[in-house]
Amino acid sequence: MNRDERDFLTGFGLAATLTRRIMGQRPSYTSAEKYVEDVADLHADAADFLRRGVAVGCLSALGRK
């Protein structure tokens, strides 16, 4: 596995942890789904694979492509 693949998978794992935490302790100012979607949007155009993994992981948790 090369570094980019490892970074992507690490980001995906971070997204899983974030999503699990947000769904368990919903933010008061927005819905948990909107929060996770905003995180995905923030990282979607990133140049590094760690942040891309976070974006894909968040969208995956929401059942989106």
N, C-alpha and C. Protein backbone atom coordinates (compact mmCIF):
# COMPACT_ATOMS: atom_id res chain seq x y z
N MET A 1 0.85 -1.17 0.00
CA MET A 1 0.00 0.00 0.00
C MET A 1 0.90 1.23 0.00
N ASN A 2 0.62 2.17 -0.90
CA ASN A 2 1.45 3.37 -0.94
C ASN A 2 0.92 4.42 0.04
N ARG A 3 1.66 5.49 0.15
CA ARG A 3 1.33 6.52 1.15
C ARG A 3 -0.03 7.17 0.89
N ASP A 4 -0.34 7.47 -0.38
CA ASP A 4 -1.63 8.08 -0.69
C ASP A 4 -2.79 7.19 -0.29
N GLU A 5 -2.67 5.90 -0.56
CA GLU A 5 -3.72 4.96 -0.17
C GLU A 5 -3.87 4.89 1.35
N ARG A 6 -2.76 4.87 2.05
CA ARG A 6 -2.79 4.82 3.51
C ARG A 6 -3.41 6.09 4.07
N ASP A 7 -3.05 7.25 3.51
CA ASP A 7 -3.62 8.52 3.97
C ASP A 7 -5.13 8.56 3.73
N PHE A 8 -5.55 8.09 2.56
CA PHE A 8 -6.98 8.07 2.24
C PHE A 8 -7.74 7.20 3.24
N LEU A 9 -7.22 6.02 3.51
CA LEU A 9 -7.89 5.13 4.47
C LEU A 9 -7.89 5.69 5.88
N THR A 10 -6.83 6.39 6.24
CA THR A 10 -6.79 7.05 7.55
C THR A 10 -7.87 8.12 7.63
N GLY A 11 -8.00 8.91 6.57
CA GLY A 11 -9.06 9.93 6.52
C GLY A 11 -10.44 9.32 6.59
N PHE A 12 -10.64 8.21 5.89
CA PHE A 12 -11.91 7.51 5.92
C PHE A 12 -12.22 7.05 7.35
N GLY A 13 -11.21 6.54 8.03
CA GLY A 13 -11.39 6.12 9.43
C GLY A 13 -11.72 7.29 10.34
N LEU A 14 -11.09 8.42 10.12
CA LEU A 14 -11.39 9.62 10.90
C LEU A 14 -12.84 10.05 10.69
N ALA A 15 -13.30 9.95 9.45
CA ALA A 15 -14.69 10.31 9.15
C ALA A 15 -15.65 9.37 9.87
N ALA A 16 -15.32 8.09 9.93
CA ALA A 16 -16.17 7.13 10.64
C ALA A 16 -16.26 7.48 12.12
N THR A 17 -15.13 7.82 12.71
CA THR A 17 -15.10 8.22 14.12
C THR A 17 -15.91 9.49 14.34
N LEU A 18 -15.71 10.48 13.48
CA LEU A 18 -16.45 11.74 13.58
C LEU A 18 -17.94 11.51 13.45
N THR A 19 -18.33 10.74 12.45
CA THR A 19 -19.75 10.50 12.21
C THR A 19 -20.39 9.79 13.39
N ARG A 20 -19.72 8.79 13.91
CA ARG A 20 -20.25 8.06 15.06
C ARG A 20 -20.44 9.01 16.26
N ARG A 21 -19.48 9.88 16.48
CA ARG A 21 -19.57 10.82 17.60
C ARG A 21 -20.69 11.84 17.38
N ILE A 22 -20.79 12.37 16.17
CA ILE A 22 -21.81 13.39 15.88
C ILE A 22 -23.21 12.79 15.95
N MET A 23 -23.38 11.58 15.45
CA MET A 23 -24.70 10.95 15.51
C MET A 23 -25.10 10.63 16.95
N GLY A 24 -24.12 10.38 17.81
CA GLY A 24 -24.40 10.09 19.21
C GLY A 24 -24.65 11.32 20.04
N GLN A 25 -23.98 12.42 19.71
CA GLN A 25 -24.12 13.68 20.44
C GLN A 25 -24.43 14.77 19.44
N ARG A 26 -25.66 14.83 19.04
CA ARG A 26 -26.07 15.74 17.97
C ARG A 26 -25.80 17.20 18.34
N PRO A 27 -25.26 17.97 17.37
CA PRO A 27 -25.02 19.40 17.62
C PRO A 27 -26.35 20.14 17.76
N SER A 28 -26.36 21.16 18.59
CA SER A 28 -27.61 21.87 18.86
C SER A 28 -27.97 22.89 17.79
N TYR A 29 -27.01 23.36 17.02
CA TYR A 29 -27.28 24.43 16.06
C TYR A 29 -27.67 23.94 14.67
N THR A 30 -27.53 22.66 14.41
CA THR A 30 -27.88 22.10 13.10
C THR A 30 -28.15 20.62 13.26
N SER A 31 -28.59 19.99 12.21
CA SER A 31 -28.78 18.54 12.29
C SER A 31 -27.43 17.84 12.15
N ALA A 32 -27.36 16.64 12.66
CA ALA A 32 -26.12 15.88 12.55
C ALA A 32 -25.78 15.60 11.10
N GLU A 33 -26.79 15.31 10.31
CA GLU A 33 -26.57 15.02 8.89
C GLU A 33 -26.01 16.25 8.17
N LYS A 34 -26.54 17.42 8.47
CA LYS A 34 -26.06 18.66 7.84
C LYS A 34 -24.62 18.94 8.26
N TYR A 35 -24.30 18.69 9.50
CA TYR A 35 -22.94 18.90 10.00
C TYR A 35 -21.95 18.00 9.25
N VAL A 36 -22.29 16.71 9.13
CA VAL A 36 -21.42 15.77 8.44
C VAL A 36 -21.29 16.16 6.96
N GLU A 37 -22.38 16.60 6.36
CA GLU A 37 -22.34 17.06 4.97
C GLU A 37 -21.44 18.27 4.81
N ASP A 38 -21.50 19.19 5.75
CA ASP A 38 -20.64 20.38 5.72
C ASP A 38 -19.16 20.00 5.84
N VAL A 39 -18.86 19.03 6.69
CA VAL A 39 -17.47 18.54 6.82
C VAL A 39 -17.01 17.96 5.49
N ALA A 40 -17.87 17.18 4.85
CA ALA A 40 -17.52 16.59 3.55
C ALA A 40 -17.28 17.67 2.51
N ASP A 41 -18.14 18.68 2.48
CA ASP A 41 -17.96 19.79 1.53
C ASP A 41 -16.66 20.53 1.78
N LEU A 42 -16.32 20.70 3.02
CA LEU A 42 -15.09 21.41 3.37
C LEU A 42 -13.85 20.70 2.85
N HIS A 43 -13.87 19.39 2.88
CA HIS A 43 -12.69 18.61 2.51
C HIS A 43 -12.73 18.02 1.09
N ALA A 44 -13.82 18.20 0.39
CA ALA A 44 -14.01 17.54 -0.91
C ALA A 44 -12.97 17.92 -1.96
N ASP A 45 -12.57 19.16 -2.00
CA ASP A 45 -11.64 19.62 -3.03
C ASP A 45 -10.19 19.67 -2.57
N ALA A 46 -9.90 19.00 -1.49
CA ALA A 46 -8.54 19.04 -0.93
C ALA A 46 -7.55 18.33 -1.86
N ALA A 47 -6.33 18.78 -1.80
CA ALA A 47 -5.27 18.17 -2.61
C ALA A 47 -4.71 16.91 -1.96
N ASP A 48 -4.78 16.82 -0.65
CA ASP A 48 -4.19 15.66 0.02
C ASP A 48 -5.23 14.56 0.23
N PHE A 49 -4.75 13.34 0.23
CA PHE A 49 -5.63 12.18 0.29
C PHE A 49 -6.24 11.96 1.66
N LEU A 50 -5.64 12.45 2.71
CA LEU A 50 -6.22 12.32 4.05
C LEU A 50 -7.55 13.06 4.09
N ARG A 51 -7.55 14.30 3.63
CA ARG A 51 -8.78 15.10 3.64
C ARG A 51 -9.80 14.56 2.65
N ARG A 52 -9.35 14.03 1.52
CA ARG A 52 -10.29 13.42 0.58
C ARG A 52 -10.95 12.19 1.21
N GLY A 53 -10.18 11.44 1.98
CA GLY A 53 -10.74 10.28 2.68
C GLY A 53 -11.80 10.69 3.68
N VAL A 54 -11.57 11.82 4.36
CA VAL A 54 -12.57 12.34 5.30
C VAL A 54 -13.86 12.68 4.54
N ALA A 55 -13.73 13.35 3.41
CA ALA A 55 -14.90 13.74 2.62
C ALA A 55 -15.68 12.52 2.16
N VAL A 56 -14.99 11.55 1.59
CA VAL A 56 -15.66 10.35 1.09
C VAL A 56 -16.28 9.56 2.24
N GLY A 57 -15.58 9.47 3.35
CA GLY A 57 -16.12 8.77 4.51
C GLY A 57 -17.39 9.41 5.04
N CYS A 58 -17.41 10.73 5.08
CA CYS A 58 -18.61 11.43 5.55
C CYS A 58 -19.78 11.21 4.61
N LEU A 59 -19.53 11.32 3.31
CA LEU A 59 -20.60 11.10 2.34
C LEU A 59 -21.08 9.65 2.38
N SER A 60 -20.17 8.75 2.58
CA SER A 60 -20.52 7.33 2.67
C SER A 60 -21.42 7.08 3.88
N ALA A 61 -21.11 7.74 4.97
CA ALA A 61 -21.93 7.57 6.18
C ALA A 61 -23.35 8.08 5.96
N LEU A 62 -23.48 9.05 5.08
CA LEU A 62 -24.81 9.58 4.76
C LEU A 62 -25.49 8.80 3.65
N GLY A 63 -24.78 7.83 3.07
CA GLY A 63 -25.35 7.03 1.99
C GLY A 63 -25.32 7.73 0.66
N ARG A 64 -24.36 8.64 0.47
CA ARG A 64 -24.26 9.40 -0.78
C ARG A 64 -22.98 9.07 -1.50
N LYS A 65 -22.94 9.43 -2.79
CA LYS A 65 -21.74 9.22 -3.61
C LYS A 65 -21.09 10.55 -3.90
